[in-house]
Amino acid sequence: MHRRHFTGARNKFDLNDRVQVRILRKRLKISHQELAKVVRTAGDSIAAVSKEAGDRRRLTLPANTIRQSDLLRP
Protein backbone atom coordinates (compact mmCIF):
# COMPACT_ATOMS: atom_id res chain seq x y z
CA MET A 1 0.00 0.00 0.00
CA HIS A 2 1.45 3.33 -1.04
CA ARG A 3 1.21 6.34 1.20
CA ARG A 4 0.76 9.81 -0.11
CA HIS A 5 3.63 12.15 0.60
CA PHE A 6 2.66 15.12 2.71
CA THR A 7 3.80 18.34 1.09
CA GLY A 8 2.02 20.99 3.18
CA ALA A 9 2.90 22.71 6.41
CA ARG A 10 2.36 20.62 9.53
CA ASN A 11 0.29 23.22 11.36
CA LYS A 12 -1.99 24.18 8.45
CA PHE A 13 -5.38 22.66 7.75
CA ASP A 14 -6.73 21.84 4.27
CA LEU A 15 -10.52 21.51 3.87
CA ASN A 16 -10.01 19.67 0.58
CA ASP A 17 -8.17 16.78 2.28
CA ARG A 18 -10.85 14.29 3.40
CA VAL A 19 -8.55 12.58 5.90
CA GLN A 20 -7.64 15.83 7.66
CA VAL A 21 -11.29 16.86 7.80
CA ARG A 22 -12.38 13.52 9.26
CA ILE A 23 -9.63 13.46 11.89
CA LEU A 24 -10.17 17.06 12.98
CA ARG A 25 -13.95 16.65 13.11
CA LYS A 26 -13.60 13.59 15.34
CA ARG A 27 -11.09 15.31 17.60
CA LEU A 28 -13.19 18.47 17.98
CA LYS A 29 -16.56 16.64 17.96
CA ILE A 30 -18.20 19.05 15.50
CA SER A 31 -20.06 18.66 12.21
CA HIS A 32 -18.69 19.44 8.77
CA GLN A 33 -20.71 22.67 8.54
CA GLU A 34 -19.49 23.82 11.96
CA LEU A 35 -15.92 23.03 10.97
CA ALA A 36 -16.29 25.09 7.79
CA LYS A 37 -17.62 28.06 9.82
CA VAL A 38 -14.75 27.81 12.29
CA VAL A 39 -12.18 27.66 9.49
CA ARG A 40 -13.74 30.73 7.87
CA THR A 41 -13.46 32.74 11.09
CA ALA A 42 -10.20 31.38 12.55
CA GLY A 43 -8.18 30.66 9.42
CA ASP A 44 -6.34 27.52 8.37
CA SER A 45 -4.11 27.06 11.41
CA ILE A 46 -4.98 23.87 13.31
CA ALA A 47 -4.26 25.53 16.67
CA ALA A 48 -6.53 28.48 15.85
CA VAL A 49 -9.30 26.14 14.65
CA SER A 50 -9.06 24.06 17.84
CA LYS A 51 -9.14 27.16 20.02
CA GLU A 52 -12.11 28.68 18.18
CA ALA A 53 -14.06 25.41 18.31
CA GLY A 54 -13.39 25.14 22.04
CA ASP A 55 -14.53 28.71 22.59
CA ARG A 56 -17.73 28.07 20.65
CA ARG A 57 -18.39 24.88 22.61
CA ARG A 58 -18.04 26.76 25.91
CA LEU A 59 -20.41 29.49 24.74
CA THR A 60 -23.31 27.13 24.04
CA LEU A 61 -25.68 26.54 26.92
CA PRO A 62 -26.61 23.01 28.00
CA ALA A 63 -30.06 21.70 27.17
CA ASN A 64 -32.86 22.50 29.58
CA THR A 65 -33.19 19.47 31.85
CA ILE A 66 -35.79 20.85 34.30
CA ARG A 67 -39.20 19.26 33.90
CA GLN A 68 -42.34 21.37 34.06
CA SER A 69 -43.81 19.09 36.75
CA ASP A 70 -40.88 19.91 39.06
CA LEU A 71 -41.57 23.63 38.72
CA LEU A 72 -45.27 23.32 39.66
CA ARG A 73 -44.68 21.50 42.99
CA PRO A 74 -45.02 23.68 46.12
PDB file of N, CA and C in Angstrom:
ATOM      1  N   MET A   1       0.839  -1.163   0.000  1.00  0.00           N
ATOM      2  CA  MET A   1       0.000   0.000   0.000  1.00  0.00           C
ATOM      3  C   MET A   1       0.894   1.239   0.000  1.00  0.00           C
ATOM      4  N   HIS A   2       0.644   2.120  -0.915  1.00  0.00           N
ATOM      5  CA  HIS A   2       1.454   3.327  -1.037  1.00  0.00           C
ATOM      6  C   HIS A   2       0.838   4.456  -0.224  1.00  0.00           C
ATOM      7  N   ARG A   3       1.678   5.186   0.448  1.00  0.00           N
ATOM      8  CA  ARG A   3       1.208   6.341   1.204  1.00  0.00           C
ATOM      9  C   ARG A   3       1.490   7.606   0.420  1.00  0.00           C
ATOM     10  N   ARG A   4       0.596   8.537   0.560  1.00  0.00           N
ATOM     11  CA  ARG A   4       0.755   9.807  -0.113  1.00  0.00           C
ATOM     12  C   ARG A   4       1.764  10.642   0.648  1.00  0.00           C
ATOM     13  N   HIS A   5       2.642  11.306  -0.039  1.00  0.00           N
ATOM     14  CA  HIS A   5       3.631  12.147   0.601  1.00  0.00           C
ATOM     15  C   HIS A   5       3.001  13.477   0.988  1.00  0.00           C
ATOM     16  N   PHE A   6       3.211  13.870   2.204  1.00  0.00           N
ATOM     17  CA  PHE A   6       2.655  15.119   2.705  1.00  0.00           C
ATOM     18  C   PHE A   6       3.562  16.264   2.270  1.00  0.00           C
ATOM     19  N   THR A   7       2.998  17.232   1.605  1.00  0.00           N
ATOM     20  CA  THR A   7       3.802  18.341   1.090  1.00  0.00           C
ATOM     21  C   THR A   7       3.481  19.675   1.761  1.00  0.00           C
ATOM     22  N   GLY A   8       2.421  19.721   2.576  1.00  0.00           N
ATOM     23  CA  GLY A   8       2.023  20.988   3.181  1.00  0.00           C
ATOM     24  C   GLY A   8       2.698  21.237   4.506  1.00  0.00           C
ATOM     25  N   ALA A   9       2.365  22.360   5.091  1.00  0.00           N
ATOM     26  CA  ALA A   9       2.896  22.707   6.408  1.00  0.00           C
ATOM     27  C   ALA A   9       2.205  21.832   7.456  1.00  0.00           C
ATOM     28  N   ARG A  10       2.900  21.528   8.520  1.00  0.00           N
ATOM     29  CA  ARG A  10       2.365  20.622   9.531  1.00  0.00           C
ATOM     30  C   ARG A  10       1.280  21.256  10.385  1.00  0.00           C
ATOM     31  N   ASN A  11       1.264  22.568  10.488  1.00  0.00           N
ATOM     32  CA  ASN A  11       0.285  23.219  11.357  1.00  0.00           C
ATOM     33  C   ASN A  11      -0.857  23.866  10.575  1.00  0.00           C
ATOM     34  N   LYS A  12      -0.929  23.614   9.276  1.00  0.00           N
ATOM     35  CA  LYS A  12      -1.989  24.179   8.449  1.00  0.00           C
ATOM     36  C   LYS A  12      -3.031  23.112   8.145  1.00  0.00           C
ATOM     37  N   PHE A  13      -4.256  23.551   7.972  1.00  0.00           N
ATOM     38  CA  PHE A  13      -5.384  22.659   7.746  1.00  0.00           C
ATOM     39  C   PHE A  13      -5.916  22.870   6.330  1.00  0.00           C
ATOM     40  N   ASP A  14      -6.228  21.778   5.637  1.00  0.00           N
ATOM     41  CA  ASP A  14      -6.733  21.841   4.272  1.00  0.00           C
ATOM     42  C   ASP A  14      -8.129  21.222   4.231  1.00  0.00           C
ATOM     43  N   LEU A  15      -9.153  22.025   3.931  1.00  0.00           N
ATOM     44  CA  LEU A  15     -10.521  21.506   3.871  1.00  0.00           C
ATOM     45  C   LEU A  15     -10.742  20.554   2.698  1.00  0.00           C
ATOM     46  N   ASN A  16      -9.867  20.562   1.722  1.00  0.00           N
ATOM     47  CA  ASN A  16     -10.007  19.669   0.577  1.00  0.00           C
ATOM     48  C   ASN A  16      -9.480  18.264   0.856  1.00  0.00           C
ATOM     49  N   ASP A  17      -8.717  18.088   1.926  1.00  0.00           N
ATOM     50  CA  ASP A  17      -8.171  16.784   2.283  1.00  0.00           C
ATOM     51  C   ASP A  17      -9.170  16.062   3.185  1.00  0.00           C
ATOM     52  N   ARG A  18      -9.797  15.007   2.671  1.00  0.00           N
ATOM     53  CA  ARG A  18     -10.845  14.289   3.400  1.00  0.00           C
ATOM     54  C   ARG A  18     -10.340  13.692   4.701  1.00  0.00           C
ATOM     55  N   VAL A  19      -9.113  13.211   4.706  1.00  0.00           N
ATOM     56  CA  VAL A  19      -8.554  12.581   5.904  1.00  0.00           C
ATOM     57  C   VAL A  19      -8.363  13.619   7.009  1.00  0.00           C
ATOM     58  N   GLN A  20      -7.827  14.776   6.672  1.00  0.00           N
ATOM     59  CA  GLN A  20      -7.643  15.831   7.663  1.00  0.00           C
ATOM     60  C   GLN A  20      -8.983  16.287   8.232  1.00  0.00           C
ATOM     61  N   VAL A  21      -9.971  16.428   7.365  1.00  0.00           N
ATOM     62  CA  VAL A  21     -11.295  16.865   7.805  1.00  0.00           C
ATOM     63  C   VAL A  21     -11.888  15.842   8.767  1.00  0.00           C
ATOM     64  N   ARG A  22     -11.812  14.572   8.415  1.00  0.00           N
ATOM     65  CA  ARG A  22     -12.381  13.516   9.258  1.00  0.00           C
ATOM     66  C   ARG A  22     -11.691  13.463  10.623  1.00  0.00           C
ATOM     67  N   ILE A  23     -10.379  13.536  10.640  1.00  0.00           N
ATOM     68  CA  ILE A  23      -9.629  13.458  11.890  1.00  0.00           C
ATOM     69  C   ILE A  23      -9.922  14.664  12.776  1.00  0.00           C
ATOM     70  N   LEU A  24      -9.926  15.853  12.193  1.00  0.00           N
ATOM     71  CA  LEU A  24     -10.166  17.058  12.985  1.00  0.00           C
ATOM     72  C   LEU A  24     -11.603  17.121  13.485  1.00  0.00           C
ATOM     73  N   ARG A  25     -12.552  16.674  12.673  1.00  0.00           N
ATOM     74  CA  ARG A  25     -13.950  16.646  13.113  1.00  0.00           C
ATOM     75  C   ARG A  25     -14.140  15.694  14.288  1.00  0.00           C
ATOM     76  N   LYS A  26     -13.491  14.538  14.231  1.00  0.00           N
ATOM     77  CA  LYS A  26     -13.595  13.592  15.341  1.00  0.00           C
ATOM     78  C   LYS A  26     -12.954  14.146  16.597  1.00  0.00           C
ATOM     79  N   ARG A  27     -11.804  14.778  16.443  1.00  0.00           N
ATOM     80  CA  ARG A  27     -11.086  15.308  17.599  1.00  0.00           C
ATOM     81  C   ARG A  27     -11.855  16.451  18.258  1.00  0.00           C
ATOM     82  N   LEU A  28     -12.469  17.315  17.444  1.00  0.00           N
ATOM     83  CA  LEU A  28     -13.190  18.471  17.981  1.00  0.00           C
ATOM     84  C   LEU A  28     -14.658  18.182  18.266  1.00  0.00           C
ATOM     85  N   LYS A  29     -15.165  17.052  17.772  1.00  0.00           N
ATOM     86  CA  LYS A  29     -16.565  16.644  17.958  1.00  0.00           C
ATOM     87  C   LYS A  29     -17.534  17.692  17.420  1.00  0.00           C
ATOM     88  N   ILE A  30     -17.321  18.079  16.152  1.00  0.00           N
ATOM     89  CA  ILE A  30     -18.196  19.049  15.501  1.00  0.00           C
ATOM     90  C   ILE A  30     -18.561  18.526  14.113  1.00  0.00           C
ATOM     91  N   SER A  31     -19.620  19.079  13.535  1.00  0.00           N
ATOM     92  CA  SER A  31     -20.065  18.659  12.205  1.00  0.00           C
ATOM     93  C   SER A  31     -19.224  19.322  11.120  1.00  0.00           C
ATOM     94  N   HIS A  32     -19.441  18.879   9.896  1.00  0.00           N
ATOM     95  CA  HIS A  32     -18.690  19.436   8.766  1.00  0.00           C
ATOM     96  C   HIS A  32     -19.023  20.919   8.559  1.00  0.00           C
ATOM     97  N   GLN A  33     -20.307  21.273   8.711  1.00  0.00           N
ATOM     98  CA  GLN A  33     -20.709  22.666   8.543  1.00  0.00           C
ATOM     99  C   GLN A  33     -20.105  23.547   9.636  1.00  0.00           C
ATOM    100  N   GLU A  34     -20.092  23.052  10.874  1.00  0.00           N
ATOM    101  CA  GLU A  34     -19.493  23.818  11.962  1.00  0.00           C
ATOM    102  C   GLU A  34     -17.992  23.993  11.749  1.00  0.00           C
ATOM    103  N   LEU A  35     -17.352  22.949  11.251  1.00  0.00           N
ATOM    104  CA  LEU A  35     -15.918  23.033  10.967  1.00  0.00           C
ATOM    105  C   LEU A  35     -15.644  24.069   9.887  1.00  0.00           C
ATOM    106  N   ALA A  36     -16.473  24.111   8.856  1.00  0.00           N
ATOM    107  CA  ALA A  36     -16.293  25.093   7.793  1.00  0.00           C
ATOM    108  C   ALA A  36     -16.456  26.517   8.321  1.00  0.00           C
ATOM    109  N   LYS A  37     -17.429  26.731   9.226  1.00  0.00           N
ATOM    110  CA  LYS A  37     -17.619  28.059   9.818  1.00  0.00           C
ATOM    111  C   LYS A  37     -16.414  28.467  10.656  1.00  0.00           C
ATOM    112  N   VAL A  38     -15.902  27.513  11.430  1.00  0.00           N
ATOM    113  CA  VAL A  38     -14.753  27.810  12.291  1.00  0.00           C
ATOM    114  C   VAL A  38     -13.535  28.137  11.452  1.00  0.00           C
ATOM    115  N   VAL A  39     -13.326  27.406  10.357  1.00  0.00           N
ATOM    116  CA  VAL A  39     -12.176  27.660   9.486  1.00  0.00           C
ATOM    117  C   VAL A  39     -12.312  29.023   8.820  1.00  0.00           C
ATOM    118  N   ARG A  40     -13.543  29.406   8.456  1.00  0.00           N
ATOM    119  CA  ARG A  40     -13.741  30.731   7.866  1.00  0.00           C
ATOM    120  C   ARG A  40     -13.387  31.850   8.837  1.00  0.00           C
ATOM    121  N   THR A  41     -13.723  31.671  10.120  1.00  0.00           N
ATOM    122  CA  THR A  41     -13.458  32.737  11.085  1.00  0.00           C
ATOM    123  C   THR A  41     -12.033  32.698  11.626  1.00  0.00           C
ATOM    124  N   ALA A  42     -11.503  31.491  11.874  1.00  0.00           N
ATOM    125  CA  ALA A  42     -10.200  31.382  12.552  1.00  0.00           C
ATOM    126  C   ALA A  42      -9.032  31.259  11.585  1.00  0.00           C
ATOM    127  N   GLY A  43      -9.273  30.862  10.359  1.00  0.00           N
ATOM    128  CA  GLY A  43      -8.179  30.662   9.419  1.00  0.00           C
ATOM    129  C   GLY A  43      -7.815  29.194   9.303  1.00  0.00           C
ATOM    130  N   ASP A  44      -6.687  28.901   8.655  1.00  0.00           N
ATOM    131  CA  ASP A  44      -6.336  27.515   8.368  1.00  0.00           C
ATOM    132  C   ASP A  44      -5.321  26.920   9.335  1.00  0.00           C
ATOM    133  N   SER A  45      -5.017  27.593  10.410  1.00  0.00           N
ATOM    134  CA  SER A  45      -4.114  27.056  11.413  1.00  0.00           C
ATOM    135  C   SER A  45      -4.869  26.079  12.305  1.00  0.00           C
ATOM    136  N   ILE A  46      -4.309  24.894  12.516  1.00  0.00           N
ATOM    137  CA  ILE A  46      -4.980  23.875  13.315  1.00  0.00           C
ATOM    138  C   ILE A  46      -5.144  24.353  14.758  1.00  0.00           C
ATOM    139  N   ALA A  47      -4.159  25.030  15.303  1.00  0.00           N
ATOM    140  CA  ALA A  47      -4.256  25.533  16.671  1.00  0.00           C
ATOM    141  C   ALA A  47      -5.375  26.565  16.795  1.00  0.00           C
ATOM    142  N   ALA A  48      -5.481  27.452  15.822  1.00  0.00           N
ATOM    143  CA  ALA A  48      -6.529  28.476  15.854  1.00  0.00           C
ATOM    144  C   ALA A  48      -7.909  27.851  15.704  1.00  0.00           C
ATOM    145  N   VAL A  49      -8.023  26.833  14.850  1.00  0.00           N
ATOM    146  CA  VAL A  49      -9.303  26.144  14.654  1.00  0.00           C
ATOM    147  C   VAL A  49      -9.704  25.432  15.938  1.00  0.00           C
ATOM    148  N   SER A  50      -8.762  24.762  16.588  1.00  0.00           N
ATOM    149  CA  SER A  50      -9.059  24.061  17.841  1.00  0.00           C
ATOM    150  C   SER A  50      -9.487  25.042  18.924  1.00  0.00           C
ATOM    151  N   LYS A  51      -8.808  26.159  19.015  1.00  0.00           N
ATOM    152  CA  LYS A  51      -9.139  27.163  20.020  1.00  0.00           C
ATOM    153  C   LYS A  51     -10.518  27.758  19.765  1.00  0.00           C
ATOM    154  N   GLU A  52     -10.808  28.091  18.532  1.00  0.00           N
ATOM    155  CA  GLU A  52     -12.106  28.680  18.183  1.00  0.00           C
ATOM    156  C   GLU A  52     -13.233  27.683  18.420  1.00  0.00           C
ATOM    157  N   ALA A  53     -13.032  26.427  18.090  1.00  0.00           N
ATOM    158  CA  ALA A  53     -14.064  25.411  18.310  1.00  0.00           C
ATOM    159  C   ALA A  53     -14.298  25.216  19.805  1.00  0.00           C
ATOM    160  N   GLY A  54     -13.245  25.254  20.599  1.00  0.00           N
ATOM    161  CA  GLY A  54     -13.392  25.144  22.044  1.00  0.00           C
ATOM    162  C   GLY A  54     -14.128  26.322  22.630  1.00  0.00           C
ATOM    163  N   ASP A  55     -13.836  27.514  22.120  1.00  0.00           N
ATOM    164  CA  ASP A  55     -14.533  28.710  22.588  1.00  0.00           C
ATOM    165  C   ASP A  55     -16.017  28.640  22.244  1.00  0.00           C
ATOM    166  N   ARG A  56     -16.325  28.189  21.056  1.00  0.00           N
ATOM    167  CA  ARG A  56     -17.730  28.074  20.654  1.00  0.00           C
ATOM    168  C   ARG A  56     -18.456  27.029  21.482  1.00  0.00           C
ATOM    169  N   ARG A  57     -17.770  25.934  21.817  1.00  0.00           N
ATOM    170  CA  ARG A  57     -18.387  24.879  22.612  1.00  0.00           C
ATOM    171  C   ARG A  57     -18.693  25.394  24.021  1.00  0.00           C
ATOM    172  N   ARG A  58     -17.808  26.215  24.570  1.00  0.00           N
ATOM    173  CA  ARG A  58     -18.037  26.756  25.910  1.00  0.00           C
ATOM    174  C   ARG A  58     -19.150  27.790  25.917  1.00  0.00           C
ATOM    175  N   LEU A  59     -19.387  28.453  24.794  1.00  0.00           N
ATOM    176  CA  LEU A  59     -20.408  29.490  24.741  1.00  0.00           C
ATOM    177  C   LEU A  59     -21.818  28.923  24.619  1.00  0.00           C
ATOM    178  N   THR A  60     -21.975  27.701  24.183  1.00  0.00           N
ATOM    179  CA  THR A  60     -23.307  27.127  24.042  1.00  0.00           C
ATOM    180  C   THR A  60     -23.809  26.675  25.403  1.00  0.00           C
ATOM    181  N   LEU A  61     -25.076  26.913  25.652  1.00  0.00           N
ATOM    182  CA  LEU A  61     -25.682  26.535  26.921  1.00  0.00           C
ATOM    183  C   LEU A  61     -26.145  25.087  26.867  1.00  0.00           C
ATOM    184  N   PRO A  62     -26.123  24.383  27.990  1.00  0.00           N
ATOM    185  CA  PRO A  62     -26.615  23.006  27.996  1.00  0.00           C
ATOM    186  C   PRO A  62     -28.120  22.988  27.799  1.00  0.00           C
ATOM    187  N   ALA A  63     -28.624  21.845  27.406  1.00  0.00           N
ATOM    188  CA  ALA A  63     -30.059  21.702  27.171  1.00  0.00           C
ATOM    189  C   ALA A  63     -30.811  21.833  28.492  1.00  0.00           C
ATOM    190  N   ASN A  64     -32.025  22.319  28.398  1.00  0.00           N
ATOM    191  CA  ASN A  64     -32.858  22.503  29.583  1.00  0.00           C
ATOM    192  C   ASN A  64     -33.292  21.140  30.099  1.00  0.00           C
ATOM    193  N   THR A  65     -32.877  20.790  31.300  1.00  0.00           N
ATOM    194  CA  THR A  65     -33.186  19.468  31.847  1.00  0.00           C
ATOM    195  C   THR A  65     -34.223  19.529  32.962  1.00  0.00           C
ATOM    196  N   ILE A  66     -34.775  20.707  33.257  1.00  0.00           N
ATOM    197  CA  ILE A  66     -35.789  20.847  34.302  1.00  0.00           C
ATOM    198  C   ILE A  66     -37.151  20.518  33.700  1.00  0.00           C
ATOM    199  N   ARG A  67     -37.865  19.622  34.380  1.00  0.00           N
ATOM    200  CA  ARG A  67     -39.195  19.258  33.901  1.00  0.00           C
ATOM    201  C   ARG A  67     -40.221  20.261  34.412  1.00  0.00           C
ATOM    202  N   GLN A  68     -41.287  20.437  33.662  1.00  0.00           N
ATOM    203  CA  GLN A  68     -42.341  21.365  34.056  1.00  0.00           C
ATOM    204  C   GLN A  68     -43.015  20.903  35.334  1.00  0.00           C
ATOM    205  N   SER A  69     -43.145  19.602  35.549  1.00  0.00           N
ATOM    206  CA  SER A  69     -43.809  19.094  36.749  1.00  0.00           C
ATOM    207  C   SER A  69     -43.007  19.442  38.005  1.00  0.00           C
ATOM    208  N   ASP A  70     -41.689  19.538  37.910  1.00  0.00           N
ATOM    209  CA  ASP A  70     -40.880  19.914  39.056  1.00  0.00           C
ATOM    210  C   ASP A  70     -41.070  21.381  39.422  1.00  0.00           C
ATOM    211  N   LEU A  71     -41.385  22.209  38.462  1.00  0.00           N
ATOM    212  CA  LEU A  71     -41.568  23.632  38.722  1.00  0.00           C
ATOM    213  C   LEU A  71     -42.911  23.915  39.402  1.00  0.00           C
ATOM    214  N   LEU A  72     -43.923  23.078  39.153  1.00  0.00           N
ATOM    215  CA  LEU A  72     -45.265  23.319  39.664  1.00  0.00           C
ATOM    216  C   LEU A  72     -45.433  22.826  41.105  1.00  0.00           C
ATOM    217  N   ARG A  73     -44.550  22.019  41.613  1.00  0.00           N
ATOM    218  CA  ARG A  73     -44.683  21.501  42.991  1.00  0.00           C
ATOM    219  C   ARG A  73     -44.414  22.595  43.999  1.00  0.00           C
ATOM    220  N   PRO A  74     -45.241  22.650  45.075  1.00  0.00           N
ATOM    221  CA  PRO A  74     -45.024  23.678  46.117  1.00  0.00           C
ATOM    222  C   PRO A  74     -43.866  23.357  47.031  1.00  0.00           C
TER     223      PRO A  74
END
